[in-house]
Amino acid sequence: MDNPKLALHKLGDLPFSDVPLRDLGQPALERANSFADAKDRNVFLAGRLALQHFAASLLDVDPTRLVPDYCCPRCGPGQDHGRPGFMLDGGPAALAVSASRASGWVLLAGVVHPAEGIRLGADLEAISGIGFDGFDGVALTAAEKVFLVSIPAQDQARQRARLWARKEAWLKMMGEGLRRNPAELDVLDRPGLQDVNIVSNRDLPEGLVAALALG
């Protein structure tokens, strides 16, 4: 049975000294070196290390046995981006994983020994980072716009971010990213999508929303 496991960590509190950065793979290190800002570079590396530790904990193996294997539907395997995966002792690890960063936090999701074809997508969003002039017009379907205007004004920012997290989670699961027009993807009641409000028996930090897609 596919039962996603979730974890949420504050990136600044993750000292992964037992995993050398070289174990993140050359594509990730090259991407890290492309960041002009050291803070952005460190956040990226911390997120990758967090995912590797998480995957190792789910498989009950030493993190150094895992080799990152990211695959982009357009670019193919061996990328610094795309759907995350890992090789274990020379073969694909029996794991589906996803990760998302926002406001100094990282949300991790994984399914051990997933059924054939099972895909996973997780997204974490800061409510304050969603919404700009014209956002609803380019990001929401007609039904989602009707839903937003039907709720109290003070709740609309959270609900807008919730809808966006659902879209991002679904698009990650499908491997499409924003190559698909989000305004054509209705996520109000789409099967396989769920909001994430509690991780490891605690509420999400204030100001964050999250979603999980599995299918």
C-alpha atoms as a PDB file:
ATOM      1  CA  MET A   1       0.000   0.000   0.000  1.00  0.00           C
ATOM      2  CA  ASP A   2       1.361   3.410  -0.962  1.00  0.00           C
ATOM      3  CA  ASN A   3       1.475   5.409   2.240  1.00  0.00           C
ATOM      4  CA  PRO A   4       3.405   8.683   1.933  1.00  0.00           C
ATOM      5  CA  LYS A   5       5.757   9.611   4.741  1.00  0.00           C
ATOM      6  CA  LEU A   6       6.274  13.302   5.448  1.00  0.00           C
ATOM      7  CA  ALA A   7       8.890  15.382   7.222  1.00  0.00           C
ATOM      8  CA  LEU A   8       9.332  19.113   7.712  1.00  0.00           C
ATOM      9  CA  HIS A   9      12.630  20.722   8.714  1.00  0.00           C
ATOM     10  CA  LYS A  10      14.004  24.206   9.178  1.00  0.00           C
ATOM     11  CA  LEU A  11      16.906  24.372   6.771  1.00  0.00           C
ATOM     12  CA  GLY A  12      19.189  26.293   9.104  1.00  0.00           C
ATOM     13  CA  ASP A  13      18.951  23.569  11.734  1.00  0.00           C
ATOM     14  CA  LEU A  14      20.236  20.702   9.565  1.00  0.00           C
ATOM     15  CA  PRO A  15      23.986  20.085  10.050  1.00  0.00           C
ATOM     16  CA  PHE A  16      24.548  17.109   7.738  1.00  0.00           C
ATOM     17  CA  SER A  17      28.252  16.816   8.355  1.00  0.00           C
ATOM     18  CA  ASP A  18      28.264  13.052   7.696  1.00  0.00           C
ATOM     19  CA  VAL A  19      27.284  13.459   4.030  1.00  0.00           C
ATOM     20  CA  PRO A  20      30.096  15.016   1.958  1.00  0.00           C
ATOM     21  CA  LEU A  21      28.835  17.530  -0.575  1.00  0.00           C
ATOM     22  CA  ARG A  22      30.423  15.471  -3.353  1.00  0.00           C
ATOM     23  CA  ASP A  23      27.825  12.771  -2.622  1.00  0.00           C
ATOM     24  CA  LEU A  24      25.141  15.120  -3.945  1.00  0.00           C
ATOM     25  CA  GLY A  25      26.497  14.488  -7.439  1.00  0.00           C
ATOM     26  CA  GLN A  26      28.159  16.709 -10.028  1.00  0.00           C
ATOM     27  CA  PRO A  27      24.924  18.137 -11.516  1.00  0.00           C
ATOM     28  CA  ALA A  28      23.818  19.437  -8.105  1.00  0.00           C
ATOM     29  CA  LEU A  29      27.242  20.875  -7.294  1.00  0.00           C
ATOM     30  CA  GLU A  30      27.398  22.664 -10.641  1.00  0.00           C
ATOM     31  CA  ARG A  31      23.988  24.143 -10.033  1.00  0.00           C
ATOM     32  CA  ALA A  32      24.991  25.210  -6.525  1.00  0.00           C
ATOM     33  CA  ASN A  33      28.044  26.983  -7.916  1.00  0.00           C
ATOM     34  CA  SER A  34      25.835  28.894 -10.344  1.00  0.00           C
ATOM     35  CA  PHE A  35      24.212  30.832  -7.490  1.00  0.00           C
ATOM     36  CA  ALA A  36      25.699  34.293  -7.136  1.00  0.00           C
ATOM     37  CA  ASP A  37      24.410  34.656  -3.580  1.00  0.00           C
ATOM     38  CA  ALA A  38      26.024  32.388  -0.964  1.00  0.00           C
ATOM     39  CA  LYS A  39      22.794  32.274   1.041  1.00  0.00           C
ATOM     40  CA  ASP A  40      20.843  30.964  -1.944  1.00  0.00           C
ATOM     41  CA  ARG A  41      23.586  28.412  -2.587  1.00  0.00           C
ATOM     42  CA  ASN A  42      23.504  27.190   1.006  1.00  0.00           C
ATOM     43  CA  VAL A  43      19.708  26.910   1.025  1.00  0.00           C
ATOM     44  CA  PHE A  44      19.829  24.826  -2.145  1.00  0.00           C
ATOM     45  CA  LEU A  45      22.499  22.503  -0.759  1.00  0.00           C
ATOM     46  CA  ALA A  46      20.712  22.147   2.576  1.00  0.00           C
ATOM     47  CA  GLY A  47      17.531  21.146   0.775  1.00  0.00           C
ATOM     48  CA  ARG A  48      19.344  18.513  -1.293  1.00  0.00           C
ATOM     49  CA  LEU A  49      21.096  17.140   1.794  1.00  0.00           C
ATOM     50  CA  ALA A  50      17.807  17.038   3.683  1.00  0.00           C
ATOM     51  CA  LEU A  51      16.196  14.993   0.926  1.00  0.00           C
ATOM     52  CA  GLN A  52      19.116  12.569   0.794  1.00  0.00           C
ATOM     53  CA  HIS A  53      18.976  12.022   4.569  1.00  0.00           C
ATOM     54  CA  PHE A  54      15.207  11.606   4.399  1.00  0.00           C
ATOM     55  CA  ALA A  55      15.459   9.034   1.623  1.00  0.00           C
ATOM     56  CA  ALA A  56      18.142   7.144   3.531  1.00  0.00           C
ATOM     57  CA  SER A  57      16.002   7.088   6.667  1.00  0.00           C
ATOM     58  CA  LEU A  58      13.037   5.660   4.755  1.00  0.00           C
ATOM     59  CA  LEU A  59      15.211   2.932   3.251  1.00  0.00           C
ATOM     60  CA  ASP A  60      17.167   2.398   6.483  1.00  0.00           C
ATOM     61  CA  VAL A  61      20.530   2.763   4.764  1.00  0.00           C
ATOM     62  CA  ASP A  62      23.547   5.012   5.176  1.00  0.00           C
ATOM     63  CA  PRO A  63      23.034   8.243   3.192  1.00  0.00           C
ATOM     64  CA  THR A  64      26.424   7.819   1.496  1.00  0.00           C
ATOM     65  CA  ARG A  65      25.078   4.718  -0.295  1.00  0.00           C
ATOM     66  CA  LEU A  66      22.593   6.848  -2.210  1.00  0.00           C
ATOM     67  CA  VAL A  67      23.475   8.562  -5.474  1.00  0.00           C
ATOM     68  CA  PRO A  68      21.052  11.312  -6.570  1.00  0.00           C
ATOM     69  CA  ASP A  69      19.423  10.597  -9.921  1.00  0.00           C
ATOM     70  CA  TYR A  70      17.217  13.488 -11.058  1.00  0.00           C
ATOM     71  CA  CYS A  71      15.252  12.994 -14.253  1.00  0.00           C
ATOM     72  CA  CYS A  72      13.585  15.728 -16.305  1.00  0.00           C
ATOM     73  CA  PRO A  73      10.807  14.618 -18.700  1.00  0.00           C
ATOM     74  CA  ARG A  74      12.253  16.963 -21.337  1.00  0.00           C
ATOM     75  CA  CYS A  75      15.994  16.719 -20.661  1.00  0.00           C
ATOM     76  CA  GLY A  76      16.259  13.082 -19.541  1.00  0.00           C
ATOM     77  CA  PRO A  77      18.184  11.574 -16.581  1.00  0.00           C
ATOM     78  CA  GLY A  78      21.304  12.896 -14.895  1.00  0.00           C
ATOM     79  CA  GLN A  79      20.026  16.449 -14.462  1.00  0.00           C
ATOM     80  CA  ASP A  80      20.321  19.054 -11.713  1.00  0.00           C
ATOM     81  CA  HIS A  81      16.539  19.459 -11.849  1.00  0.00           C
ATOM     82  CA  GLY A  82      13.391  17.456 -12.492  1.00  0.00           C
ATOM     83  CA  ARG A  83      11.818  14.580 -10.585  1.00  0.00           C
ATOM     84  CA  PRO A  84      14.147  13.454  -7.771  1.00  0.00           C
ATOM     85  CA  GLY A  85      15.276   9.881  -7.378  1.00  0.00           C
ATOM     86  CA  PHE A  86      18.222   7.893  -6.068  1.00  0.00           C
ATOM     87  CA  MET A  87      20.408   4.987  -7.058  1.00  0.00           C
ATOM     88  CA  LEU A  88      21.245   2.500  -4.312  1.00  0.00           C
ATOM     89  CA  ASP A  89      24.243   0.217  -4.752  1.00  0.00           C
ATOM     90  CA  GLY A  90      24.072   0.588  -8.522  1.00  0.00           C
ATOM     91  CA  GLY A  91      20.331   0.141  -9.016  1.00  0.00           C
ATOM     92  CA  PRO A  92      17.264   2.384  -8.696  1.00  0.00           C
ATOM     93  CA  ALA A  93      16.209   2.854  -5.070  1.00  0.00           C
ATOM     94  CA  ALA A  94      12.692   1.545  -4.396  1.00  0.00           C
ATOM     95  CA  LEU A  95      11.431   4.971  -3.476  1.00  0.00           C
ATOM     96  CA  ALA A  96       9.337   7.832  -4.819  1.00  0.00           C
ATOM     97  CA  VAL A  97      10.260  11.191  -3.287  1.00  0.00           C
ATOM     98  CA  SER A  98       9.494  14.881  -3.579  1.00  0.00           C
ATOM     99  CA  ALA A  99      10.716  18.007  -1.819  1.00  0.00           C
ATOM    100  CA  SER A 100       9.768  21.675  -1.626  1.00  0.00           C
ATOM    101  CA  ARG A 101      11.341  24.700   0.069  1.00  0.00           C
ATOM    102  CA  ALA A 102       9.730  27.902   1.316  1.00  0.00           C
ATOM    103  CA  SER A 103      10.669  30.573   3.868  1.00  0.00           C
ATOM    104  CA  GLY A 104      13.613  28.611   5.228  1.00  0.00           C
ATOM    105  CA  TRP A 105      11.693  25.335   5.586  1.00  0.00           C
ATOM    106  CA  VAL A 106      11.770  22.160   3.529  1.00  0.00           C
ATOM    107  CA  LEU A 107       8.893  19.709   3.158  1.00  0.00           C
ATOM    108  CA  LEU A 108       9.875  16.138   2.268  1.00  0.00           C
ATOM    109  CA  ALA A 109       7.593  13.357   1.078  1.00  0.00           C
ATOM    110  CA  GLY A 110       8.332   9.750   0.214  1.00  0.00           C
ATOM    111  CA  VAL A 111       6.767   6.405  -0.591  1.00  0.00           C
ATOM    112  CA  VAL A 112       8.834   3.266   0.005  1.00  0.00           C
ATOM    113  CA  HIS A 113       8.417   0.424  -2.493  1.00  0.00           C
ATOM    114  CA  PRO A 114       5.804   2.311  -4.523  1.00  0.00           C
ATOM    115  CA  ALA A 115       3.550   0.383  -6.864  1.00  0.00           C
ATOM    116  CA  GLU A 116       4.646   0.480 -10.488  1.00  0.00           C
ATOM    117  CA  GLY A 117       3.949   3.844 -12.050  1.00  0.00           C
ATOM    118  CA  ILE A 118       3.249   5.638  -8.761  1.00  0.00           C
ATOM    119  CA  ARG A 119       4.401   9.257  -8.791  1.00  0.00           C
ATOM    120  CA  LEU A 120       4.568  11.803  -6.004  1.00  0.00           C
ATOM    121  CA  GLY A 121       4.578  15.572  -5.764  1.00  0.00           C
ATOM    122  CA  ALA A 122       4.803  17.819  -2.704  1.00  0.00           C
ATOM    123  CA  ASP A 123       4.722  21.591  -2.477  1.00  0.00           C
ATOM    124  CA  LEU A 124       5.257  24.086   0.326  1.00  0.00           C
ATOM    125  CA  GLU A 125       4.296  27.734  -0.110  1.00  0.00           C
ATOM    126  CA  ALA A 126       4.536  30.932   1.907  1.00  0.00           C
ATOM    127  CA  ILE A 127       1.159  32.652   1.898  1.00  0.00           C
ATOM    128  CA  SER A 128       2.824  36.045   1.661  1.00  0.00           C
ATOM    129  CA  GLY A 129       4.624  35.013  -1.523  1.00  0.00           C
ATOM    130  CA  ILE A 130       1.500  34.158  -3.502  1.00  0.00           C
ATOM    131  CA  GLY A 131      -0.526  36.756  -5.330  1.00  0.00           C
ATOM    132  CA  PHE A 132       0.249  39.805  -7.428  1.00  0.00           C
ATOM    133  CA  ASP A 133      -1.797  42.049  -9.648  1.00  0.00           C
ATOM    134  CA  GLY A 134      -3.341  39.751 -12.219  1.00  0.00           C
ATOM    135  CA  PHE A 135      -2.336  36.525 -10.437  1.00  0.00           C
ATOM    136  CA  ASP A 136      -5.845  35.068 -10.402  1.00  0.00           C
ATOM    137  CA  GLY A 137      -6.209  35.694 -14.127  1.00  0.00           C
ATOM    138  CA  VAL A 138      -3.088  33.749 -15.080  1.00  0.00           C
ATOM    139  CA  ALA A 139      -3.085  31.079 -12.360  1.00  0.00           C
ATOM    140  CA  LEU A 140      -6.679  30.118 -11.517  1.00  0.00           C
ATOM    141  CA  THR A 141      -9.490  28.439 -13.412  1.00  0.00           C
ATOM    142  CA  ALA A 142     -12.937  30.021 -13.667  1.00  0.00           C
ATOM    143  CA  ALA A 143     -14.273  27.687 -10.962  1.00  0.00           C
ATOM    144  CA  GLU A 144     -11.378  28.536  -8.628  1.00  0.00           C
ATOM    145  CA  LYS A 145     -12.030  32.269  -9.072  1.00  0.00           C
ATOM    146  CA  VAL A 146     -15.692  31.745  -8.176  1.00  0.00           C
ATOM    147  CA  PHE A 147     -14.600  29.797  -5.102  1.00  0.00           C
ATOM    148  CA  LEU A 148     -12.256  32.567  -3.947  1.00  0.00           C
ATOM    149  CA  VAL A 149     -14.822  35.350  -4.181  1.00  0.00           C
ATOM    150  CA  SER A 150     -17.318  33.181  -2.274  1.00  0.00           C
ATOM    151  CA  ILE A 151     -15.236  33.160   0.919  1.00  0.00           C
ATOM    152  CA  PRO A 152     -14.502  36.006   3.375  1.00  0.00           C
ATOM    153  CA  ALA A 153     -11.875  38.471   2.206  1.00  0.00           C
ATOM    154  CA  GLN A 154      -9.642  37.750   5.202  1.00  0.00           C
ATOM    155  CA  ASP A 155      -9.385  34.081   4.163  1.00  0.00           C
ATOM    156  CA  GLN A 156      -8.682  34.624   0.487  1.00  0.00           C
ATOM    157  CA  ALA A 157      -4.891  34.928   0.722  1.00  0.00           C
ATOM    158  CA  ARG A 158      -4.589  31.560   2.469  1.00  0.00           C
ATOM    159  CA  GLN A 159      -6.996  29.880   0.087  1.00  0.00           C
ATOM    160  CA  ARG A 160      -5.211  31.347  -2.932  1.00  0.00           C
ATOM    161  CA  ALA A 161      -1.899  29.961  -1.644  1.00  0.00           C
ATOM    162  CA  ARG A 162      -3.570  26.619  -0.908  1.00  0.00           C
ATOM    163  CA  LEU A 163      -4.782  26.371  -4.489  1.00  0.00           C
ATOM    164  CA  TRP A 164      -1.347  27.257  -5.821  1.00  0.00           C
ATOM    165  CA  ALA A 165       0.343  24.641  -3.610  1.00  0.00           C
ATOM    166  CA  ARG A 166      -2.083  22.055  -4.981  1.00  0.00           C
ATOM    167  CA  LYS A 167      -1.265  23.041  -8.561  1.00  0.00           C
ATOM    168  CA  GLU A 168       2.474  22.896  -7.938  1.00  0.00           C
ATOM    169  CA  ALA A 169       2.209  19.510  -6.213  1.00  0.00           C
ATOM    170  CA  TRP A 170       0.161  18.094  -9.088  1.00  0.00           C
ATOM    171  CA  LEU A 171       2.481  19.477 -11.772  1.00  0.00           C
ATOM    172  CA  LYS A 172       5.518  18.081  -9.938  1.00  0.00           C
ATOM    173  CA  MET A 173       3.860  14.681  -9.753  1.00  0.00           C
ATOM    174  CA  MET A 174       3.109  14.761 -13.470  1.00  0.00           C
ATOM    175  CA  GLY A 175       6.578  16.062 -14.316  1.00  0.00           C
ATOM    176  CA  GLU A 176       5.102  18.950 -16.275  1.00  0.00           C
ATOM    177  CA  GLY A 177       6.085  21.938 -14.186  1.00  0.00           C
ATOM    178  CA  LEU A 178       4.853  25.255 -15.487  1.00  0.00           C
ATOM    179  CA  ARG A 179       5.020  24.028 -19.069  1.00  0.00           C
ATOM    180  CA  ARG A 180       1.315  23.398 -18.481  1.00  0.00           C
ATOM    181  CA  ASN A 181      -0.921  26.431 -18.118  1.00  0.00           C
ATOM    182  CA  PRO A 182      -1.942  26.491 -14.422  1.00  0.00           C
ATOM    183  CA  ALA A 183      -5.106  28.410 -15.308  1.00  0.00           C
ATOM    184  CA  GLU A 184      -6.324  25.271 -17.078  1.00  0.00           C
ATOM    185  CA  LEU A 185      -5.671  22.947 -14.131  1.00  0.00           C
ATOM    186  CA  ASP A 186      -8.570  22.864 -11.680  1.00  0.00           C
ATOM    187  CA  VAL A 187      -7.511  21.559  -8.272  1.00  0.00           C
ATOM    188  CA  LEU A 188     -10.589  22.242  -6.158  1.00  0.00           C
ATOM    189  CA  ASP A 189     -11.669  18.604  -6.046  1.00  0.00           C
ATOM    190  CA  ARG A 190      -9.102  16.724  -8.124  1.00  0.00           C
ATOM    191  CA  PRO A 191      -8.597  13.092  -6.986  1.00  0.00           C
ATOM    192  CA  GLY A 192      -5.113  12.310  -5.709  1.00  0.00           C
ATOM    193  CA  LEU A 193      -4.609  15.756  -4.186  1.00  0.00           C
ATOM    194  CA  GLN A 194      -4.723  16.638  -0.515  1.00  0.00           C
ATOM    195  CA  ASP A 195      -3.812  19.576   1.675  1.00  0.00           C
ATOM    196  CA  VAL A 196      -1.064  19.025   4.229  1.00  0.00           C
ATOM    197  CA  ASN A 197      -1.776  20.739   7.536  1.00  0.00           C
ATOM    198  CA  ILE A 198       0.057  18.502   9.991  1.00  0.00           C
ATOM    199  CA  VAL A 199       3.519  16.941   9.649  1.00  0.00           C
ATOM    200  CA  SER A 200       5.024  14.710  12.322  1.00  0.00           C
ATOM    201  CA  ASN A 201       2.100  15.454  14.659  1.00  0.00           C
ATOM    202  CA  ARG A 202       2.560  19.217  14.535  1.00  0.00           C
ATOM    203  CA  ASP A 203       0.855  21.987  12.616  1.00  0.00           C
ATOM    204  CA  LEU A 204       2.642  23.687   9.769  1.00  0.00           C
ATOM    205  CA  PRO A 205       4.429  26.878  10.842  1.00  0.00           C
ATOM    206  CA  GLU A 206       2.342  30.026  10.662  1.00  0.00           C
ATOM    207  CA  GLY A 207       2.197  31.525   7.208  1.00  0.00           C
ATOM    208  CA  LEU A 208       2.829  28.291   5.294  1.00  0.00           C
ATOM    209  CA  VAL A 209       0.530  25.993   3.340  1.00  0.00           C
ATOM    210  CA  ALA A 210       1.322  22.670   1.682  1.00  0.00           C
ATOM    211  CA  ALA A 211      -0.134  20.057  -0.604  1.00  0.00           C
ATOM    212  CA  LEU A 212       0.590  16.481  -1.644  1.00  0.00           C
ATOM    213  CA  ALA A 213      -0.223  14.742  -4.925  1.00  0.00           C
ATOM    214  CA  LEU A 214      -0.062  10.988  -5.390  1.00  0.00           C
ATOM    215  CA  GLY A 215      -1.078   9.002  -8.408  1.00  0.00           C
END
